[in-house]
Amino acid sequence: ELKLRLLNGAHTFTCGLAVWAGFTFVNEAMENRDFSEFITNLLDDELTPAIRSDKISTEEASIFAHDVLDRFRNPFLRHRWLSICLQYSSKMKMRNILNIRRYYEKEKSVPERMAAGLAGWLLFMKTKKINDSRFAGNLSGKEYVLQDDAAEKLHDYWEKEGSDTGNLVTKVLKDQILWGEDLTAYPRFAERVNYYLDLMLTSE
């Protein structure tokens, strides 16, 4: 549970943002002060509070989170962000939807960095159709072909709703086939995902 929600969860919340920011490797991103601070705060302020329970104490989660940060900084682990993005949509659902739900249950507020991470996923899923089954994206000059079971669905969302990001975010977050629940039910979550998506789009 610690590995899934903290290590894997942090990877999945940040990989789209890292590609958008122009980073190739995880340890490279950790050398950037702003990005390192983002991941640290995501783990300390949002994922650790979300995971604590009768079985996992805050101290245990915090210790594991800082081990995760040490792993991310390890210069000998050349882990590519684009590799982490493989099957991005299913990873986001499996690893992080429960984190969002638990954070809201405990903190009663928007997990800002989780919202930014979901916006990063949504921007990463903006693609062009290559052929009937292949979709390619481009962020910060990095071209990639999606290996994601939801590629066609997200391509269609962008094609139909991309001119209105507020509507796009609402429809994607409401998609219970993608998430297993309606994410717009969480107060102001869609609003904040839309805010971060617009911020990234205007900074491209």
N, C-alpha and C. Protein backbone atom coordinates (compact mmCIF):
# COMPACT_ATOMS: atom_id res chain seq x y z
N GLU A 1 0.84 -1.21 0.00
CA GLU A 1 0.00 0.00 0.00
C GLU A 1 0.87 1.25 0.00
N LEU A 2 1.93 1.26 0.81
CA LEU A 2 2.84 2.42 0.83
C LEU A 2 3.47 2.63 -0.53
N LYS A 3 3.95 1.56 -1.14
CA LYS A 3 4.60 1.69 -2.46
C LYS A 3 3.61 2.15 -3.51
N LEU A 4 2.42 1.54 -3.53
CA LEU A 4 1.42 1.87 -4.54
C LEU A 4 0.97 3.32 -4.44
N ARG A 5 0.64 3.77 -3.21
CA ARG A 5 0.06 5.10 -3.03
C ARG A 5 1.10 6.22 -3.00
N LEU A 6 2.30 5.92 -2.51
CA LEU A 6 3.31 6.98 -2.37
C LEU A 6 4.31 6.98 -3.52
N LEU A 7 5.05 5.89 -3.70
CA LEU A 7 6.05 5.87 -4.77
C LEU A 7 5.38 5.89 -6.15
N ASN A 8 4.54 4.88 -6.41
CA ASN A 8 3.86 4.81 -7.71
C ASN A 8 2.91 5.99 -7.90
N GLY A 9 2.20 6.34 -6.84
CA GLY A 9 1.26 7.46 -6.93
C GLY A 9 1.94 8.76 -7.27
N ALA A 10 3.08 9.03 -6.63
CA ALA A 10 3.81 10.28 -6.91
C ALA A 10 4.35 10.28 -8.34
N HIS A 11 4.88 9.14 -8.79
CA HIS A 11 5.33 9.04 -10.18
C HIS A 11 4.20 9.41 -11.14
N THR A 12 3.02 8.83 -10.89
CA THR A 12 1.91 9.00 -11.83
C THR A 12 1.34 10.41 -11.79
N PHE A 13 1.30 11.02 -10.62
CA PHE A 13 0.82 12.40 -10.54
C PHE A 13 1.78 13.40 -11.18
N THR A 14 3.05 13.03 -11.33
CA THR A 14 4.02 14.02 -11.81
C THR A 14 4.59 13.75 -13.20
N CYS A 15 4.36 12.56 -13.78
CA CYS A 15 5.05 12.26 -15.03
C CYS A 15 4.63 13.15 -16.19
N GLY A 16 3.34 13.44 -16.32
CA GLY A 16 2.90 14.34 -17.39
C GLY A 16 3.44 15.74 -17.20
N LEU A 17 3.45 16.21 -15.96
CA LEU A 17 4.01 17.53 -15.65
C LEU A 17 5.50 17.58 -15.98
N ALA A 18 6.21 16.48 -15.70
CA ALA A 18 7.65 16.44 -15.96
C ALA A 18 7.95 16.49 -17.45
N VAL A 19 7.16 15.76 -18.25
CA VAL A 19 7.35 15.81 -19.71
C VAL A 19 7.05 17.20 -20.22
N TRP A 20 5.96 17.81 -19.73
CA TRP A 20 5.62 19.17 -20.12
C TRP A 20 6.73 20.16 -19.75
N ALA A 21 7.38 19.94 -18.61
CA ALA A 21 8.46 20.83 -18.15
C ALA A 21 9.77 20.59 -18.88
N GLY A 22 9.83 19.54 -19.68
CA GLY A 22 11.02 19.29 -20.50
C GLY A 22 12.04 18.35 -19.90
N PHE A 23 11.69 17.64 -18.83
CA PHE A 23 12.62 16.71 -18.21
C PHE A 23 12.55 15.33 -18.88
N THR A 24 13.70 14.68 -18.98
CA THR A 24 13.77 13.34 -19.56
C THR A 24 13.79 12.27 -18.47
N PHE A 25 14.61 12.50 -17.44
CA PHE A 25 14.81 11.51 -16.38
C PHE A 25 14.28 12.02 -15.03
N VAL A 26 13.91 11.09 -14.16
CA VAL A 26 13.38 11.44 -12.84
C VAL A 26 14.41 12.21 -12.02
N ASN A 27 15.64 11.68 -11.95
CA ASN A 27 16.65 12.36 -11.12
C ASN A 27 16.99 13.74 -11.66
N GLU A 28 16.87 13.93 -12.98
CA GLU A 28 17.09 15.24 -13.58
C GLU A 28 16.06 16.25 -13.07
N ALA A 29 14.80 15.82 -13.01
CA ALA A 29 13.75 16.71 -12.50
C ALA A 29 13.99 17.07 -11.04
N MET A 30 14.52 16.13 -10.27
CA MET A 30 14.77 16.37 -8.85
C MET A 30 15.90 17.35 -8.62
N GLU A 31 16.72 17.60 -9.65
CA GLU A 31 17.79 18.59 -9.54
C GLU A 31 17.25 20.01 -9.73
N ASN A 32 16.01 20.10 -10.22
CA ASN A 32 15.36 21.40 -10.39
C ASN A 32 14.65 21.76 -9.09
N ARG A 33 14.97 22.90 -8.52
CA ARG A 33 14.45 23.27 -7.20
C ARG A 33 12.93 23.31 -7.17
N ASP A 34 12.31 23.94 -8.16
CA ASP A 34 10.85 24.08 -8.16
C ASP A 34 10.16 22.73 -8.31
N PHE A 35 10.67 21.88 -9.19
CA PHE A 35 10.03 20.59 -9.40
C PHE A 35 10.23 19.68 -8.20
N SER A 36 11.43 19.72 -7.63
CA SER A 36 11.70 18.93 -6.43
C SER A 36 10.79 19.36 -5.29
N GLU A 37 10.57 20.66 -5.16
CA GLU A 37 9.68 21.17 -4.11
C GLU A 37 8.25 20.72 -4.35
N PHE A 38 7.82 20.69 -5.61
CA PHE A 38 6.46 20.24 -5.94
C PHE A 38 6.26 18.79 -5.50
N ILE A 39 7.20 17.92 -5.88
CA ILE A 39 7.06 16.50 -5.54
C ILE A 39 7.13 16.30 -4.02
N THR A 40 8.04 17.02 -3.37
CA THR A 40 8.16 16.91 -1.91
C THR A 40 6.86 17.31 -1.23
N ASN A 41 6.28 18.42 -1.67
CA ASN A 41 5.02 18.89 -1.07
C ASN A 41 3.85 17.97 -1.40
N LEU A 42 3.86 17.41 -2.60
CA LEU A 42 2.83 16.43 -2.97
C LEU A 42 2.87 15.25 -1.99
N LEU A 43 4.06 14.74 -1.74
CA LEU A 43 4.20 13.60 -0.83
C LEU A 43 3.89 13.98 0.61
N ASP A 44 4.46 15.09 1.08
CA ASP A 44 4.32 15.45 2.50
C ASP A 44 2.94 15.97 2.85
N ASP A 45 2.38 16.82 1.97
CA ASP A 45 1.16 17.55 2.33
C ASP A 45 -0.12 16.91 1.81
N GLU A 46 -0.01 16.01 0.83
CA GLU A 46 -1.24 15.45 0.23
C GLU A 46 -1.27 13.92 0.27
N LEU A 47 -0.23 13.27 -0.23
CA LEU A 47 -0.27 11.81 -0.28
C LEU A 47 -0.11 11.18 1.10
N THR A 48 0.79 11.72 1.92
CA THR A 48 0.96 11.17 3.27
C THR A 48 -0.30 11.31 4.12
N PRO A 49 -0.93 12.49 4.16
CA PRO A 49 -2.20 12.60 4.91
C PRO A 49 -3.28 11.67 4.35
N ALA A 50 -3.31 11.49 3.03
CA ALA A 50 -4.35 10.65 2.42
C ALA A 50 -4.19 9.18 2.82
N ILE A 51 -2.96 8.73 2.97
CA ILE A 51 -2.73 7.30 3.19
C ILE A 51 -2.79 6.88 4.65
N ARG A 52 -2.68 7.83 5.57
CA ARG A 52 -2.65 7.43 6.98
C ARG A 52 -3.99 6.78 7.37
N SER A 53 -3.88 5.77 8.23
CA SER A 53 -5.05 4.99 8.64
C SER A 53 -4.74 4.29 9.95
N ASP A 54 -5.65 3.42 10.35
CA ASP A 54 -5.41 2.61 11.55
C ASP A 54 -4.21 1.69 11.36
N LYS A 55 -3.93 1.34 10.10
CA LYS A 55 -2.83 0.41 9.82
C LYS A 55 -1.53 1.12 9.44
N ILE A 56 -1.63 2.35 8.95
CA ILE A 56 -0.44 3.09 8.53
C ILE A 56 -0.41 4.43 9.27
N SER A 57 0.59 4.62 10.10
CA SER A 57 0.69 5.86 10.88
C SER A 57 1.28 6.97 10.02
N THR A 58 1.08 8.20 10.46
CA THR A 58 1.65 9.35 9.77
C THR A 58 3.17 9.24 9.74
N GLU A 59 3.76 8.80 10.84
CA GLU A 59 5.22 8.67 10.90
C GLU A 59 5.73 7.63 9.91
N GLU A 60 5.07 6.49 9.83
CA GLU A 60 5.47 5.44 8.90
C GLU A 60 5.36 5.92 7.46
N ALA A 61 4.26 6.60 7.14
CA ALA A 61 4.06 7.12 5.79
C ALA A 61 5.10 8.18 5.46
N SER A 62 5.41 9.03 6.43
CA SER A 62 6.39 10.11 6.21
C SER A 62 7.79 9.55 5.97
N ILE A 63 8.17 8.54 6.74
CA ILE A 63 9.48 7.91 6.55
C ILE A 63 9.58 7.29 5.16
N PHE A 64 8.53 6.59 4.75
CA PHE A 64 8.52 5.97 3.42
C PHE A 64 8.57 7.04 2.33
N ALA A 65 7.82 8.14 2.52
CA ALA A 65 7.80 9.22 1.53
C ALA A 65 9.19 9.80 1.32
N HIS A 66 9.95 9.95 2.39
CA HIS A 66 11.30 10.53 2.25
C HIS A 66 12.27 9.51 1.65
N ASP A 67 12.02 8.23 1.85
CA ASP A 67 12.78 7.21 1.13
C ASP A 67 12.49 7.28 -0.37
N VAL A 68 11.24 7.56 -0.70
CA VAL A 68 10.85 7.74 -2.10
C VAL A 68 11.60 8.91 -2.72
N LEU A 69 11.68 10.01 -2.00
CA LEU A 69 12.39 11.19 -2.51
C LEU A 69 13.87 10.87 -2.74
N ASP A 70 14.48 10.12 -1.83
CA ASP A 70 15.88 9.72 -2.01
C ASP A 70 16.03 8.85 -3.26
N ARG A 71 15.07 7.98 -3.48
CA ARG A 71 15.11 7.13 -4.68
C ARG A 71 14.99 7.98 -5.94
N PHE A 72 14.09 8.94 -5.92
CA PHE A 72 13.91 9.82 -7.09
C PHE A 72 15.19 10.60 -7.39
N ARG A 73 15.95 10.95 -6.35
CA ARG A 73 17.17 11.76 -6.53
C ARG A 73 18.38 10.91 -6.93
N ASN A 74 18.28 9.61 -6.83
CA ASN A 74 19.42 8.73 -7.07
C ASN A 74 19.94 8.89 -8.50
N PRO A 75 21.17 9.39 -8.67
CA PRO A 75 21.69 9.63 -10.03
C PRO A 75 21.96 8.36 -10.82
N PHE A 76 21.99 7.20 -10.14
CA PHE A 76 22.27 5.94 -10.82
C PHE A 76 21.00 5.27 -11.34
N LEU A 77 19.84 5.80 -10.96
CA LEU A 77 18.57 5.27 -11.46
C LEU A 77 18.08 6.20 -12.58
N ARG A 78 18.35 5.84 -13.81
CA ARG A 78 18.01 6.69 -14.96
C ARG A 78 16.62 6.28 -15.47
N HIS A 79 15.61 6.67 -14.73
CA HIS A 79 14.24 6.28 -15.04
C HIS A 79 13.61 7.37 -15.91
N ARG A 80 13.18 7.01 -17.10
CA ARG A 80 12.61 7.98 -18.04
C ARG A 80 11.15 8.29 -17.70
N TRP A 81 10.81 9.56 -17.74
CA TRP A 81 9.42 9.97 -17.49
C TRP A 81 8.48 9.37 -18.51
N LEU A 82 8.89 9.31 -19.77
CA LEU A 82 8.00 8.77 -20.80
C LEU A 82 7.71 7.29 -20.56
N SER A 83 8.64 6.57 -19.95
CA SER A 83 8.38 5.17 -19.62
C SER A 83 7.33 5.07 -18.52
N ILE A 84 7.36 6.00 -17.59
CA ILE A 84 6.39 6.02 -16.50
C ILE A 84 4.99 6.31 -17.05
N CYS A 85 4.93 7.01 -18.19
CA CYS A 85 3.64 7.39 -18.78
C CYS A 85 2.96 6.26 -19.55
N LEU A 86 3.59 5.10 -19.65
CA LEU A 86 2.94 3.97 -20.34
C LEU A 86 1.69 3.56 -19.58
N GLN A 87 0.59 3.37 -20.31
CA GLN A 87 -0.72 3.06 -19.72
C GLN A 87 -1.05 4.05 -18.58
N TYR A 88 -0.81 5.29 -18.89
CA TYR A 88 -0.97 6.41 -17.94
C TYR A 88 -2.37 6.46 -17.33
N SER A 89 -3.39 6.30 -18.16
CA SER A 89 -4.77 6.45 -17.68
C SER A 89 -5.13 5.38 -16.65
N SER A 90 -4.81 4.13 -16.94
CA SER A 90 -5.14 3.07 -15.99
C SER A 90 -4.31 3.18 -14.72
N LYS A 91 -3.07 3.65 -14.84
CA LYS A 91 -2.24 3.87 -13.65
C LYS A 91 -2.84 4.97 -12.78
N MET A 92 -3.31 6.03 -13.42
CA MET A 92 -3.91 7.13 -12.64
C MET A 92 -5.12 6.62 -11.87
N LYS A 93 -5.95 5.82 -12.52
CA LYS A 93 -7.13 5.29 -11.84
C LYS A 93 -6.75 4.35 -10.71
N MET A 94 -5.87 3.41 -10.98
CA MET A 94 -5.53 2.39 -10.01
C MET A 94 -4.76 2.96 -8.80
N ARG A 95 -3.87 3.91 -9.07
CA ARG A 95 -2.98 4.39 -8.01
C ARG A 95 -3.50 5.61 -7.27
N ASN A 96 -4.27 6.45 -7.95
CA ASN A 96 -4.47 7.79 -7.39
C ASN A 96 -5.90 8.22 -7.12
N ILE A 97 -6.89 7.57 -7.68
CA ILE A 97 -8.26 8.00 -7.40
C ILE A 97 -8.58 7.81 -5.92
N LEU A 98 -8.11 6.72 -5.34
CA LEU A 98 -8.32 6.51 -3.91
C LEU A 98 -7.59 7.56 -3.09
N ASN A 99 -6.42 8.02 -3.56
CA ASN A 99 -5.71 9.09 -2.86
C ASN A 99 -6.53 10.38 -2.84
N ILE A 100 -7.16 10.70 -3.97
CA ILE A 100 -8.00 11.91 -4.04
C ILE A 100 -9.18 11.78 -3.07
N ARG A 101 -9.85 10.64 -3.12
CA ARG A 101 -11.01 10.42 -2.26
C ARG A 101 -10.64 10.52 -0.78
N ARG A 102 -9.56 9.85 -0.41
CA ARG A 102 -9.16 9.85 1.00
C ARG A 102 -8.73 11.23 1.47
N TYR A 103 -8.07 11.98 0.58
CA TYR A 103 -7.66 13.33 0.96
C TYR A 103 -8.88 14.19 1.26
N TYR A 104 -9.88 14.11 0.39
CA TYR A 104 -11.10 14.90 0.62
C TYR A 104 -11.80 14.46 1.90
N GLU A 105 -11.83 13.18 2.17
CA GLU A 105 -12.49 12.69 3.37
C GLU A 105 -11.82 13.23 4.63
N LYS A 106 -10.50 13.35 4.58
CA LYS A 106 -9.76 13.74 5.78
C LYS A 106 -9.52 15.23 5.89
N GLU A 107 -9.24 15.88 4.78
CA GLU A 107 -8.83 17.29 4.81
C GLU A 107 -9.94 18.27 4.41
N LYS A 108 -10.98 17.78 3.73
CA LYS A 108 -12.12 18.61 3.32
C LYS A 108 -11.70 19.81 2.49
N SER A 109 -10.69 19.63 1.64
CA SER A 109 -10.21 20.73 0.80
C SER A 109 -9.62 20.17 -0.48
N VAL A 110 -9.33 21.05 -1.43
CA VAL A 110 -8.78 20.61 -2.72
C VAL A 110 -7.32 20.21 -2.57
N PRO A 111 -6.94 19.02 -3.01
CA PRO A 111 -5.51 18.68 -3.07
C PRO A 111 -4.90 19.31 -4.32
N GLU A 112 -4.30 20.48 -4.15
CA GLU A 112 -3.88 21.28 -5.29
C GLU A 112 -2.89 20.56 -6.21
N ARG A 113 -1.95 19.87 -5.62
CA ARG A 113 -0.94 19.22 -6.45
C ARG A 113 -1.51 17.99 -7.16
N MET A 114 -2.45 17.31 -6.53
CA MET A 114 -3.14 16.23 -7.23
C MET A 114 -3.93 16.78 -8.41
N ALA A 115 -4.57 17.92 -8.22
CA ALA A 115 -5.31 18.55 -9.32
C ALA A 115 -4.37 18.93 -10.46
N ALA A 116 -3.20 19.47 -10.12
CA ALA A 116 -2.21 19.81 -11.14
C ALA A 116 -1.73 18.56 -11.85
N GLY A 117 -1.54 17.48 -11.09
CA GLY A 117 -1.09 16.23 -11.69
C GLY A 117 -2.11 15.65 -12.66
N LEU A 118 -3.39 15.77 -12.33
CA LEU A 118 -4.43 15.29 -13.23
C LEU A 118 -4.49 16.16 -14.49
N ALA A 119 -4.26 17.45 -14.32
CA ALA A 119 -4.19 18.35 -15.48
C ALA A 119 -3.01 17.97 -16.38
N GLY A 120 -1.90 17.58 -15.77
CA GLY A 120 -0.74 17.14 -16.55
C GLY A 120 -1.05 15.89 -17.35
N TRP A 121 -1.79 14.96 -16.73
CA TRP A 121 -2.23 13.76 -17.46
C TRP A 121 -3.10 14.15 -18.65
N LEU A 122 -4.05 15.05 -18.43
CA LEU A 122 -4.99 15.43 -19.48
C LEU A 122 -4.27 16.10 -20.65
N LEU A 123 -3.28 16.94 -20.35
CA LEU A 123 -2.52 17.59 -21.42
C LEU A 123 -1.67 16.56 -22.18
N PHE A 124 -1.09 15.62 -21.45
CA PHE A 124 -0.30 14.57 -22.09
C PHE A 124 -1.16 13.75 -23.06
N MET A 125 -2.43 13.60 -22.75
CA MET A 125 -3.34 12.80 -23.57
C MET A 125 -3.92 13.57 -24.76
N LYS A 126 -3.45 14.79 -24.98
CA LYS A 126 -3.86 15.56 -26.16
C LYS A 126 -3.00 15.09 -27.34
N THR A 127 -3.61 14.43 -28.31
CA THR A 127 -2.84 13.79 -29.36
C THR A 127 -3.42 14.04 -30.75
N LYS A 128 -2.63 13.65 -31.74
CA LYS A 128 -3.10 13.60 -33.12
C LYS A 128 -3.19 12.13 -33.54
N LYS A 129 -4.15 11.85 -34.38
CA LYS A 129 -4.35 10.46 -34.84
C LYS A 129 -3.38 10.15 -35.97
N ILE A 130 -2.60 9.07 -35.78
CA ILE A 130 -1.65 8.64 -36.81
C ILE A 130 -2.33 7.69 -37.79
N ASN A 131 -3.02 6.72 -37.22
CA ASN A 131 -3.82 5.79 -38.02
C ASN A 131 -4.98 5.31 -37.15
N ASP A 132 -5.64 4.25 -37.53
CA ASP A 132 -6.84 3.82 -36.81
C ASP A 132 -6.59 3.47 -35.35
N SER A 133 -5.37 3.11 -35.02
CA SER A 133 -5.13 2.64 -33.65
C SER A 133 -3.97 3.33 -32.94
N ARG A 134 -3.35 4.32 -33.59
CA ARG A 134 -2.17 4.96 -32.99
C ARG A 134 -2.38 6.46 -32.87
N PHE A 135 -1.93 6.99 -31.73
CA PHE A 135 -2.10 8.41 -31.43
C PHE A 135 -0.79 8.96 -30.90
N ALA A 136 -0.39 10.13 -31.41
CA ALA A 136 0.89 10.71 -31.04
C ALA A 136 0.70 12.09 -30.42
N GLY A 137 1.51 12.37 -29.40
CA GLY A 137 1.48 13.66 -28.74
C GLY A 137 2.82 14.35 -28.85
N ASN A 138 2.84 15.61 -28.45
CA ASN A 138 4.08 16.39 -28.47
C ASN A 138 4.02 17.41 -27.33
N LEU A 139 4.91 17.27 -26.37
CA LEU A 139 5.04 18.23 -25.28
C LEU A 139 6.48 18.69 -25.18
N SER A 140 6.68 19.99 -25.16
CA SER A 140 8.02 20.58 -25.02
C SER A 140 9.00 20.01 -26.04
N GLY A 141 8.50 19.77 -27.26
CA GLY A 141 9.36 19.26 -28.32
C GLY A 141 9.60 17.77 -28.26
N LYS A 142 9.05 17.09 -27.26
CA LYS A 142 9.19 15.64 -27.16
C LYS A 142 7.99 14.98 -27.83
N GLU A 143 8.24 14.22 -28.89
CA GLU A 143 7.17 13.50 -29.55
C GLU A 143 7.08 12.09 -28.97
N TYR A 144 5.89 11.59 -28.82
CA TYR A 144 5.69 10.26 -28.25
C TYR A 144 4.42 9.66 -28.85
N VAL A 145 4.43 8.35 -28.96
CA VAL A 145 3.24 7.61 -29.38
C VAL A 145 2.62 7.00 -28.13
N LEU A 146 1.34 7.27 -27.91
CA LEU A 146 0.68 6.78 -26.71
C LEU A 146 0.56 5.25 -26.72
N GLN A 147 0.88 4.68 -25.58
CA GLN A 147 0.54 3.28 -25.31
C GLN A 147 -0.41 3.31 -24.13
N ASP A 148 -1.68 3.50 -24.44
CA ASP A 148 -2.69 3.77 -23.42
C ASP A 148 -4.04 3.31 -23.95
N ASP A 149 -4.72 2.48 -23.18
CA ASP A 149 -6.00 1.95 -23.63
C ASP A 149 -7.06 3.03 -23.79
N ALA A 150 -6.87 4.18 -23.15
CA ALA A 150 -7.84 5.28 -23.25
C ALA A 150 -7.44 6.32 -24.29
N ALA A 151 -6.44 6.01 -25.11
CA ALA A 151 -5.92 7.00 -26.07
C ALA A 151 -7.00 7.53 -27.00
N GLU A 152 -7.78 6.63 -27.59
CA GLU A 152 -8.80 7.06 -28.54
C GLU A 152 -9.89 7.88 -27.85
N LYS A 153 -10.30 7.45 -26.68
CA LYS A 153 -11.33 8.18 -25.94
C LYS A 153 -10.88 9.61 -25.63
N LEU A 154 -9.64 9.77 -25.17
CA LEU A 154 -9.15 11.10 -24.82
C LEU A 154 -8.90 11.94 -26.06
N HIS A 155 -8.47 11.31 -27.14
CA HIS A 155 -8.34 12.02 -28.41
C HIS A 155 -9.69 12.61 -28.83
N ASP A 156 -10.74 11.80 -28.70
CA ASP A 156 -12.08 12.26 -29.08
C ASP A 156 -12.56 13.39 -28.17
N TYR A 157 -12.27 13.29 -26.87
CA TYR A 157 -12.63 14.38 -25.97
C TYR A 157 -11.96 15.68 -26.38
N TRP A 158 -10.67 15.62 -26.68
CA TRP A 158 -9.95 16.83 -27.09
C TRP A 158 -10.48 17.37 -28.42
N GLU A 159 -10.79 16.49 -29.35
CA GLU A 159 -11.32 16.92 -30.64
C GLU A 159 -12.66 17.64 -30.49
N LYS A 160 -13.53 17.11 -29.62
CA LYS A 160 -14.88 17.67 -29.48
C LYS A 160 -14.95 18.85 -28.52
N GLU A 161 -14.15 18.81 -27.45
CA GLU A 161 -14.30 19.78 -26.37
C GLU A 161 -13.08 20.67 -26.16
N GLY A 162 -12.03 20.45 -26.93
CA GLY A 162 -10.77 21.14 -26.66
C GLY A 162 -10.80 22.65 -26.73
N SER A 163 -11.78 23.20 -27.45
CA SER A 163 -11.88 24.66 -27.54
C SER A 163 -12.44 25.28 -26.26
N ASP A 164 -13.01 24.46 -25.40
CA ASP A 164 -13.57 24.92 -24.12
C ASP A 164 -13.03 24.01 -23.03
N THR A 165 -11.92 24.40 -22.41
CA THR A 165 -11.26 23.50 -21.47
C THR A 165 -12.12 23.23 -20.24
N GLY A 166 -12.95 24.18 -19.85
CA GLY A 166 -13.83 23.95 -18.71
C GLY A 166 -14.78 22.81 -18.98
N ASN A 167 -15.36 22.80 -20.18
CA ASN A 167 -16.27 21.72 -20.57
C ASN A 167 -15.52 20.41 -20.73
N LEU A 168 -14.31 20.48 -21.30
CA LEU A 168 -13.48 19.30 -21.47
C LEU A 168 -13.19 18.64 -20.12
N VAL A 169 -12.73 19.44 -19.17
CA VAL A 169 -12.39 18.91 -17.85
C VAL A 169 -13.61 18.30 -17.18
N THR A 170 -14.72 18.99 -17.25
CA THR A 170 -15.95 18.48 -16.62
C THR A 170 -16.35 17.13 -17.20
N LYS A 171 -16.34 17.02 -18.51
CA LYS A 171 -16.77 15.77 -19.14
C LYS A 171 -15.81 14.63 -18.84
N VAL A 172 -14.50 14.92 -18.86
CA VAL A 172 -13.52 13.87 -18.57
C VAL A 172 -13.62 13.41 -17.12
N LEU A 173 -13.76 14.37 -16.20
CA LEU A 173 -13.83 13.99 -14.78
C LEU A 173 -15.14 13.29 -14.44
N LYS A 174 -16.18 13.52 -15.22
CA LYS A 174 -17.46 12.85 -14.99
C LYS A 174 -17.49 11.42 -15.54
N ASP A 175 -16.49 11.06 -16.34
CA ASP A 175 -16.49 9.77 -17.03
C ASP A 175 -16.24 8.63 -16.04
N GLN A 176 -17.29 7.97 -15.64
CA GLN A 176 -17.16 6.92 -14.63
C GLN A 176 -16.54 5.64 -15.18
N ILE A 177 -16.50 5.50 -16.49
CA ILE A 177 -15.79 4.36 -17.08
C ILE A 177 -14.28 4.54 -16.90
N LEU A 178 -13.83 5.79 -17.03
CA LEU A 178 -12.41 6.09 -16.81
C LEU A 178 -12.01 5.93 -15.35
N TRP A 179 -12.85 6.45 -14.44
CA TRP A 179 -12.42 6.60 -13.04
C TRP A 179 -13.14 5.70 -12.05
N GLY A 180 -14.27 5.13 -12.45
CA GLY A 180 -15.05 4.34 -11.49
C GLY A 180 -15.93 5.20 -10.61
N GLU A 181 -15.91 6.50 -10.79
CA GLU A 181 -16.74 7.44 -10.04
C GLU A 181 -16.72 8.79 -10.74
N ASP A 182 -17.58 9.69 -10.30
CA ASP A 182 -17.68 11.03 -10.86
C ASP A 182 -16.78 11.97 -10.06
N LEU A 183 -15.64 12.37 -10.63
CA LEU A 183 -14.68 13.20 -9.89
C LEU A 183 -15.13 14.65 -9.75
N THR A 184 -16.17 15.05 -10.48
CA THR A 184 -16.69 16.41 -10.28
C THR A 184 -17.47 16.52 -8.98
N ALA A 185 -17.73 15.39 -8.33
CA ALA A 185 -18.44 15.41 -7.04
C ALA A 185 -17.58 16.01 -5.93
N TYR A 186 -16.26 16.06 -6.15
CA TYR A 186 -15.37 16.63 -5.14
C TYR A 186 -15.34 18.15 -5.29
N PRO A 187 -15.69 18.89 -4.25
CA PRO A 187 -15.82 20.35 -4.36
C PRO A 187 -14.59 21.04 -4.94
N ARG A 188 -14.82 21.81 -6.00
CA ARG A 188 -13.83 22.66 -6.66
C ARG A 188 -12.70 21.89 -7.34
N PHE A 189 -12.78 20.57 -7.36
CA PHE A 189 -11.69 19.81 -7.97
C PHE A 189 -11.60 20.08 -9.48
N ALA A 190 -12.73 20.01 -10.18
CA ALA A 190 -12.73 20.27 -11.62
C ALA A 190 -12.25 21.69 -11.91
N GLU A 191 -12.67 22.62 -11.09
CA GLU A 191 -12.26 24.03 -11.27
C GLU A 191 -10.74 24.15 -11.20
N ARG A 192 -10.11 23.48 -10.25
CA ARG A 192 -8.67 23.59 -10.08
C ARG A 192 -7.91 22.80 -11.16
N VAL A 193 -8.44 21.65 -11.58
CA VAL A 193 -7.82 20.94 -12.70
C VAL A 193 -7.84 21.83 -13.94
N ASN A 194 -8.97 22.48 -14.18
CA ASN A 194 -9.09 23.38 -15.33
C ASN A 194 -8.11 24.54 -15.22
N TYR A 195 -7.95 25.09 -14.02
CA TYR A 195 -7.01 26.20 -13.81
C TYR A 195 -5.59 25.78 -14.21
N TYR A 196 -5.14 24.62 -13.76
CA TYR A 196 -3.78 24.19 -14.06
C TYR A 196 -3.63 23.80 -15.53
N LEU A 197 -4.67 23.22 -16.11
CA LEU A 197 -4.61 22.90 -17.54
C LEU A 197 -4.46 24.16 -18.37
N ASP A 198 -5.26 25.18 -18.08
CA ASP A 198 -5.16 26.44 -18.80
C ASP A 198 -3.79 27.08 -18.61
N LEU A 199 -3.25 26.98 -17.41
CA LEU A 199 -1.94 27.54 -17.12
C LEU A 199 -0.87 26.88 -18.00
N MET A 200 -0.94 25.58 -18.13
CA MET A 200 0.04 24.86 -18.96
C MET A 200 -0.15 25.15 -20.44
N LEU A 201 -1.39 25.22 -20.88
CA LEU A 201 -1.66 25.50 -22.28
C LEU A 201 -1.16 26.87 -22.70
N THR A 202 -1.30 27.86 -21.83
CA THR A 202 -0.84 29.21 -22.16
C THR A 202 0.66 29.36 -22.00
N SER A 203 1.32 28.36 -21.39
CA SER A 203 2.77 28.42 -21.19
C SER A 203 3.53 27.59 -22.22
N GLU A 204 2.80 26.91 -23.11
CA GLU A 204 3.47 26.04 -24.09
C GLU A 204 4.26 26.87 -25.08
